[in-house]
Amino acid sequence: MSAPLGLLLTPGAGASRESPALVAVEKAVAPLPCRRVDFPYRLAGRKVPDRPEVAVAHLRTEATAFAASHNADVGSLVLGGRSYGGRMCSMAVADGLPAAGLVLLSYPLHPPGRPEKLRTEHFGRIDVPVLFVSGRTDPFGSPAEFDEHVAAIPGLVTQVWVTGAHDVRGREAEVAAAVAAWVAAL
């Protein structure tokens, strides 16, 4: 596999493309082309996140446009994001959107306090390399829970754990360095 030609990043449900974590990742992967995109609900000024089918369709459009702007195929891009954004990217890839890999920051394995409500039904259809970067005390999924559930992903999985919970505030540089190193090794 050749090196990825770009990185498309998406924010968590309560944030925008200007999220400090996404900005830090973009700086860390430079000069690799990076595009940070908002979802339709954010672009329309709404606070409630889009349904998965709307978000996934938007990701297809954005990834296609980003790849075309660099005379590349969508499959040469790494897709990813933080929390909701990463989950939507993983669902898009599981549903057939080509990608060179997935970067999932603070992936919401389940809602806090609801480990029975797993958000992993699509994991078995992800056949690209995946990087998970999460806080060790994230209420959306513990290291042990991730170990148990990421085994369903056929692609190569890398996990990086940082100090903290779901919000990586203050750890952006550490998260960004992990992403940059992983992307460079693809």
C-alpha atoms as a PDB file:
ATOM      1  CA  MET A   1       0.000   0.000   0.000  1.00  0.00           C
ATOM      2  CA  SER A   2       1.300   3.454  -0.876  1.00  0.00           C
ATOM      3  CA  ALA A   3       1.401   6.323   1.595  1.00  0.00           C
ATOM      4  CA  PRO A   4      -1.904   8.156   2.130  1.00  0.00           C
ATOM      5  CA  LEU A   5      -2.408  11.306   0.088  1.00  0.00           C
ATOM      6  CA  GLY A   6      -4.534  13.206   2.600  1.00  0.00           C
ATOM      7  CA  LEU A   7      -6.408  13.213   5.890  1.00  0.00           C
ATOM      8  CA  LEU A   8     -10.082  14.175   6.239  1.00  0.00           C
ATOM      9  CA  LEU A   9     -11.067  15.068   9.837  1.00  0.00           C
ATOM     10  CA  THR A  10     -14.499  15.520  11.425  1.00  0.00           C
ATOM     11  CA  PRO A  11     -15.480  16.927  14.842  1.00  0.00           C
ATOM     12  CA  GLY A  12     -17.393  15.542  17.778  1.00  0.00           C
ATOM     13  CA  ALA A  13     -21.105  16.270  18.161  1.00  0.00           C
ATOM     14  CA  GLY A  14     -20.626  19.372  20.305  1.00  0.00           C
ATOM     15  CA  ALA A  15     -17.742  20.874  18.343  1.00  0.00           C
ATOM     16  CA  SER A  16     -16.857  22.317  14.968  1.00  0.00           C
ATOM     17  CA  ARG A  17     -14.085  21.779  12.478  1.00  0.00           C
ATOM     18  CA  GLU A  18     -12.136  24.338  14.561  1.00  0.00           C
ATOM     19  CA  SER A  19     -11.868  21.882  17.473  1.00  0.00           C
ATOM     20  CA  PRO A  20      -8.402  22.291  19.058  1.00  0.00           C
ATOM     21  CA  ALA A  21      -7.728  18.550  18.747  1.00  0.00           C
ATOM     22  CA  LEU A  22      -8.438  18.580  15.003  1.00  0.00           C
ATOM     23  CA  VAL A  23      -6.371  21.731  14.462  1.00  0.00           C
ATOM     24  CA  ALA A  24      -3.462  20.115  16.368  1.00  0.00           C
ATOM     25  CA  VAL A  25      -3.685  16.953  14.247  1.00  0.00           C
ATOM     26  CA  GLU A  26      -3.699  18.995  11.035  1.00  0.00           C
ATOM     27  CA  LYS A  27      -0.528  20.822  12.125  1.00  0.00           C
ATOM     28  CA  ALA A  28       1.154  17.575  13.213  1.00  0.00           C
ATOM     29  CA  VAL A  29       0.584  15.739   9.918  1.00  0.00           C
ATOM     30  CA  ALA A  30       1.762  18.673   7.732  1.00  0.00           C
ATOM     31  CA  PRO A  31       2.763  18.741   4.930  1.00  0.00           C
ATOM     32  CA  LEU A  32       0.226  15.955   4.320  1.00  0.00           C
ATOM     33  CA  PRO A  33      -2.922  17.632   2.943  1.00  0.00           C
ATOM     34  CA  CYS A  34      -5.630  17.778   5.608  1.00  0.00           C
ATOM     35  CA  ARG A  35      -9.226  18.936   5.400  1.00  0.00           C
ATOM     36  CA  ARG A  36     -11.322  19.548   8.515  1.00  0.00           C
ATOM     37  CA  VAL A  37     -15.046  19.467   7.726  1.00  0.00           C
ATOM     38  CA  ASP A  38     -18.266  20.178   9.605  1.00  0.00           C
ATOM     39  CA  PHE A  39     -21.405  18.066   9.319  1.00  0.00           C
ATOM     40  CA  PRO A  40     -24.621  19.447   7.750  1.00  0.00           C
ATOM     41  CA  TYR A  41     -26.313  20.140  11.114  1.00  0.00           C
ATOM     42  CA  ARG A  42     -23.428  22.373  12.168  1.00  0.00           C
ATOM     43  CA  LEU A  43     -23.360  24.128   8.780  1.00  0.00           C
ATOM     44  CA  ALA A  44     -27.099  24.834   9.184  1.00  0.00           C
ATOM     45  CA  GLY A  45     -26.591  26.242  12.700  1.00  0.00           C
ATOM     46  CA  ARG A  46     -28.354  23.356  14.457  1.00  0.00           C
ATOM     47  CA  LYS A  47     -27.105  21.677  17.636  1.00  0.00           C
ATOM     48  CA  VAL A  48     -28.597  18.195  17.185  1.00  0.00           C
ATOM     49  CA  PRO A  49     -26.256  15.886  15.221  1.00  0.00           C
ATOM     50  CA  ASP A  50     -27.343  14.466  11.895  1.00  0.00           C
ATOM     51  CA  ARG A  51     -28.718  10.951  11.585  1.00  0.00           C
ATOM     52  CA  PRO A  52     -25.978   8.510  10.498  1.00  0.00           C
ATOM     53  CA  GLU A  53     -27.276   8.219   6.928  1.00  0.00           C
ATOM     54  CA  VAL A  54     -27.087  12.011   6.485  1.00  0.00           C
ATOM     55  CA  ALA A  55     -23.608  12.225   8.034  1.00  0.00           C
ATOM     56  CA  VAL A  56     -22.302   9.285   5.984  1.00  0.00           C
ATOM     57  CA  ALA A  57     -23.647  10.768   2.727  1.00  0.00           C
ATOM     58  CA  HIS A  58     -21.969  14.077   3.614  1.00  0.00           C
ATOM     59  CA  LEU A  59     -18.680  12.273   4.295  1.00  0.00           C
ATOM     60  CA  ARG A  60     -18.857  10.573   0.882  1.00  0.00           C
ATOM     61  CA  THR A  61     -19.343  13.956  -0.792  1.00  0.00           C
ATOM     62  CA  GLU A  62     -16.561  15.657   1.180  1.00  0.00           C
ATOM     63  CA  ALA A  63     -14.080  12.793   0.710  1.00  0.00           C
ATOM     64  CA  THR A  64     -14.770  12.665  -3.029  1.00  0.00           C
ATOM     65  CA  ALA A  65     -14.280  16.424  -3.400  1.00  0.00           C
ATOM     66  CA  PHE A  66     -11.104  16.422  -1.275  1.00  0.00           C
ATOM     67  CA  ALA A  67      -9.592  13.536  -3.244  1.00  0.00           C
ATOM     68  CA  ALA A  68     -10.533  15.137  -6.576  1.00  0.00           C
ATOM     69  CA  SER A  69      -8.919  18.423  -5.528  1.00  0.00           C
ATOM     70  CA  HIS A  70      -5.626  16.508  -5.207  1.00  0.00           C
ATOM     71  CA  ASN A  71      -6.121  14.349  -8.328  1.00  0.00           C
ATOM     72  CA  ALA A  72      -6.351  11.306  -6.065  1.00  0.00           C
ATOM     73  CA  ASP A  73      -8.725   8.451  -5.382  1.00  0.00           C
ATOM     74  CA  VAL A  74     -10.900   8.508  -2.270  1.00  0.00           C
ATOM     75  CA  GLY A  75      -9.209   5.268  -1.206  1.00  0.00           C
ATOM     76  CA  SER A  76      -5.918   7.128  -0.809  1.00  0.00           C
ATOM     77  CA  LEU A  77      -7.323   9.240   2.043  1.00  0.00           C
ATOM     78  CA  VAL A  78      -7.275   8.518   5.748  1.00  0.00           C
ATOM     79  CA  LEU A  79     -10.638   9.400   7.286  1.00  0.00           C
ATOM     80  CA  GLY A  80     -11.297  10.163  10.894  1.00  0.00           C
ATOM     81  CA  GLY A  81     -12.469  12.389  13.621  1.00  0.00           C
ATOM     82  CA  ARG A  82     -13.289  12.837  17.230  1.00  0.00           C
ATOM     83  CA  SER A  83     -16.131  10.991  18.985  1.00  0.00           C
ATOM     84  CA  TYR A  84     -19.292  11.330  16.813  1.00  0.00           C
ATOM     85  CA  GLY A  85     -17.174  12.355  13.806  1.00  0.00           C
ATOM     86  CA  GLY A  86     -14.940   9.322  14.091  1.00  0.00           C
ATOM     87  CA  ARG A  87     -17.926   7.053  14.554  1.00  0.00           C
ATOM     88  CA  MET A  88     -19.536   8.432  11.384  1.00  0.00           C
ATOM     89  CA  CYS A  89     -16.277   7.901   9.458  1.00  0.00           C
ATOM     90  CA  SER A  90     -16.031   4.318  10.697  1.00  0.00           C
ATOM     91  CA  MET A  91     -19.637   3.685   9.643  1.00  0.00           C
ATOM     92  CA  ALA A  92     -18.962   5.199   6.202  1.00  0.00           C
ATOM     93  CA  VAL A  93     -15.966   2.916   5.675  1.00  0.00           C
ATOM     94  CA  ALA A  94     -17.918  -0.103   6.949  1.00  0.00           C
ATOM     95  CA  ASP A  95     -20.628   0.802   4.425  1.00  0.00           C
ATOM     96  CA  GLY A  96     -18.135   0.767   1.556  1.00  0.00           C
ATOM     97  CA  LEU A  97     -16.476   4.202   1.390  1.00  0.00           C
ATOM     98  CA  PRO A  98     -12.871   3.456   0.356  1.00  0.00           C
ATOM     99  CA  ALA A  99     -10.136   4.687   2.700  1.00  0.00           C
ATOM    100  CA  ALA A 100      -6.454   4.151   3.391  1.00  0.00           C
ATOM    101  CA  GLY A 101      -7.205   4.013   7.114  1.00  0.00           C
ATOM    102  CA  LEU A 102      -9.271   5.389   9.990  1.00  0.00           C
ATOM    103  CA  VAL A 103      -8.200   7.706  12.817  1.00  0.00           C
ATOM    104  CA  LEU A 104     -10.737   7.494  15.662  1.00  0.00           C
ATOM    105  CA  LEU A 105     -10.172   9.937  18.507  1.00  0.00           C
ATOM    106  CA  SER A 106     -12.205   9.379  21.695  1.00  0.00           C
ATOM    107  CA  TYR A 107     -14.401   6.847  19.894  1.00  0.00           C
ATOM    108  CA  PRO A 108     -17.769   6.558  21.732  1.00  0.00           C
ATOM    109  CA  LEU A 109     -17.877   2.776  22.198  1.00  0.00           C
ATOM    110  CA  HIS A 110     -21.101   3.188  24.203  1.00  0.00           C
ATOM    111  CA  PRO A 111     -22.948   6.005  25.993  1.00  0.00           C
ATOM    112  CA  PRO A 112     -21.536   6.758  29.476  1.00  0.00           C
ATOM    113  CA  GLY A 113     -22.916   4.314  32.038  1.00  0.00           C
ATOM    114  CA  ARG A 114     -24.627   2.221  29.313  1.00  0.00           C
ATOM    115  CA  PRO A 115     -22.085  -0.445  28.286  1.00  0.00           C
ATOM    116  CA  GLU A 116     -24.921  -2.596  26.923  1.00  0.00           C
ATOM    117  CA  LYS A 117     -25.651   0.051  24.205  1.00  0.00           C
ATOM    118  CA  LEU A 118     -22.602  -0.748  22.084  1.00  0.00           C
ATOM    119  CA  ARG A 119     -21.810   1.224  18.940  1.00  0.00           C
ATOM    120  CA  THR A 120     -19.822  -1.587  17.369  1.00  0.00           C
ATOM    121  CA  GLU A 121     -22.276  -3.393  15.086  1.00  0.00           C
ATOM    122  CA  HIS A 122     -20.303  -2.264  12.017  1.00  0.00           C
ATOM    123  CA  PHE A 123     -16.813  -3.150  13.310  1.00  0.00           C
ATOM    124  CA  GLY A 124     -16.726  -6.490  11.459  1.00  0.00           C
ATOM    125  CA  ARG A 125     -16.991  -4.634   8.135  1.00  0.00           C
ATOM    126  CA  ILE A 126     -13.978  -2.345   8.687  1.00  0.00           C
ATOM    127  CA  ASP A 127     -11.126  -3.810   6.671  1.00  0.00           C
ATOM    128  CA  VAL A 128      -8.637  -0.931   6.764  1.00  0.00           C
ATOM    129  CA  PRO A 129      -5.985  -0.064   9.367  1.00  0.00           C
ATOM    130  CA  VAL A 130      -7.529   1.732  12.359  1.00  0.00           C
ATOM    131  CA  LEU A 131      -5.975   3.968  15.008  1.00  0.00           C
ATOM    132  CA  PHE A 132      -7.917   4.524  18.234  1.00  0.00           C
ATOM    133  CA  VAL A 133      -6.652   7.301  20.539  1.00  0.00           C
ATOM    134  CA  SER A 134      -8.612   7.648  23.781  1.00  0.00           C
ATOM    135  CA  GLY A 135      -8.324   8.728  27.389  1.00  0.00           C
ATOM    136  CA  ARG A 136      -7.703   5.923  29.890  1.00  0.00           C
ATOM    137  CA  THR A 137     -10.697   7.004  32.005  1.00  0.00           C
ATOM    138  CA  ASP A 138     -13.097   7.766  29.134  1.00  0.00           C
ATOM    139  CA  PRO A 139     -16.665   6.949  30.285  1.00  0.00           C
ATOM    140  CA  PHE A 140     -17.516   6.098  26.647  1.00  0.00           C
ATOM    141  CA  GLY A 141     -15.242   3.028  26.799  1.00  0.00           C
ATOM    142  CA  SER A 142     -12.432   1.674  28.960  1.00  0.00           C
ATOM    143  CA  PRO A 143      -9.213   0.096  27.660  1.00  0.00           C
ATOM    144  CA  ALA A 144     -10.547  -3.349  28.639  1.00  0.00           C
ATOM    145  CA  GLU A 145     -13.820  -2.722  26.772  1.00  0.00           C
ATOM    146  CA  PHE A 146     -11.914  -1.602  23.691  1.00  0.00           C
ATOM    147  CA  ASP A 147      -9.674  -4.677  23.839  1.00  0.00           C
ATOM    148  CA  GLU A 148     -12.778  -6.844  23.860  1.00  0.00           C
ATOM    149  CA  HIS A 149     -14.650  -5.120  21.037  1.00  0.00           C
ATOM    150  CA  VAL A 150     -11.994  -3.970  18.575  1.00  0.00           C
ATOM    151  CA  ALA A 151     -11.074  -7.634  18.059  1.00  0.00           C
ATOM    152  CA  ALA A 152     -14.085  -7.743  15.689  1.00  0.00           C
ATOM    153  CA  ILE A 153     -12.296  -5.391  13.247  1.00  0.00           C
ATOM    154  CA  PRO A 154     -10.608  -7.397  10.471  1.00  0.00           C
ATOM    155  CA  GLY A 155      -8.166  -4.564   9.671  1.00  0.00           C
ATOM    156  CA  LEU A 156      -5.004  -3.896  11.675  1.00  0.00           C
ATOM    157  CA  VAL A 157      -5.912  -2.038  14.906  1.00  0.00           C
ATOM    158  CA  THR A 158      -3.602   0.226  16.907  1.00  0.00           C
ATOM    159  CA  GLN A 159      -4.662   1.655  20.277  1.00  0.00           C
ATOM    160  CA  VAL A 160      -3.014   4.621  21.988  1.00  0.00           C
ATOM    161  CA  TRP A 161      -4.117   5.582  25.494  1.00  0.00           C
ATOM    162  CA  VAL A 162      -3.500   9.012  26.992  1.00  0.00           C
ATOM    163  CA  THR A 163      -4.116  10.411  30.444  1.00  0.00           C
ATOM    164  CA  GLY A 164      -7.634  11.768  30.831  1.00  0.00           C
ATOM    165  CA  ALA A 165     -11.207  11.035  29.911  1.00  0.00           C
ATOM    166  CA  HIS A 166     -13.318  11.764  26.804  1.00  0.00           C
ATOM    167  CA  ASP A 167     -12.211  15.381  26.464  1.00  0.00           C
ATOM    168  CA  VAL A 168      -8.559  15.468  25.426  1.00  0.00           C
ATOM    169  CA  ARG A 169      -8.163  19.134  26.364  1.00  0.00           C
ATOM    170  CA  GLY A 170      -4.567  19.735  27.361  1.00  0.00           C
ATOM    171  CA  ARG A 171      -3.483  16.542  25.573  1.00  0.00           C
ATOM    172  CA  GLU A 172      -3.948  17.754  21.991  1.00  0.00           C
ATOM    173  CA  ALA A 173      -0.208  17.667  21.242  1.00  0.00           C
ATOM    174  CA  GLU A 174       0.087  14.093  22.528  1.00  0.00           C
ATOM    175  CA  VAL A 175      -2.951  12.978  20.510  1.00  0.00           C
ATOM    176  CA  ALA A 176      -1.699  14.777  17.399  1.00  0.00           C
ATOM    177  CA  ALA A 177       1.779  13.232  17.711  1.00  0.00           C
ATOM    178  CA  ALA A 178       0.241   9.743  17.937  1.00  0.00           C
ATOM    179  CA  VAL A 179      -1.831  10.399  14.805  1.00  0.00           C
ATOM    180  CA  ALA A 180       1.124  11.851  12.874  1.00  0.00           C
ATOM    181  CA  ALA A 181       3.366   8.882  13.725  1.00  0.00           C
ATOM    182  CA  TRP A 182       0.673   6.354  12.790  1.00  0.00           C
ATOM    183  CA  VAL A 183      -0.211   8.050   9.496  1.00  0.00           C
ATOM    184  CA  ALA A 184       3.485   8.350   8.559  1.00  0.00           C
ATOM    185  CA  ALA A 185       3.901   4.590   9.130  1.00  0.00           C
ATOM    186  CA  LEU A 186       1.023   3.613   6.793  1.00  0.00           C
END
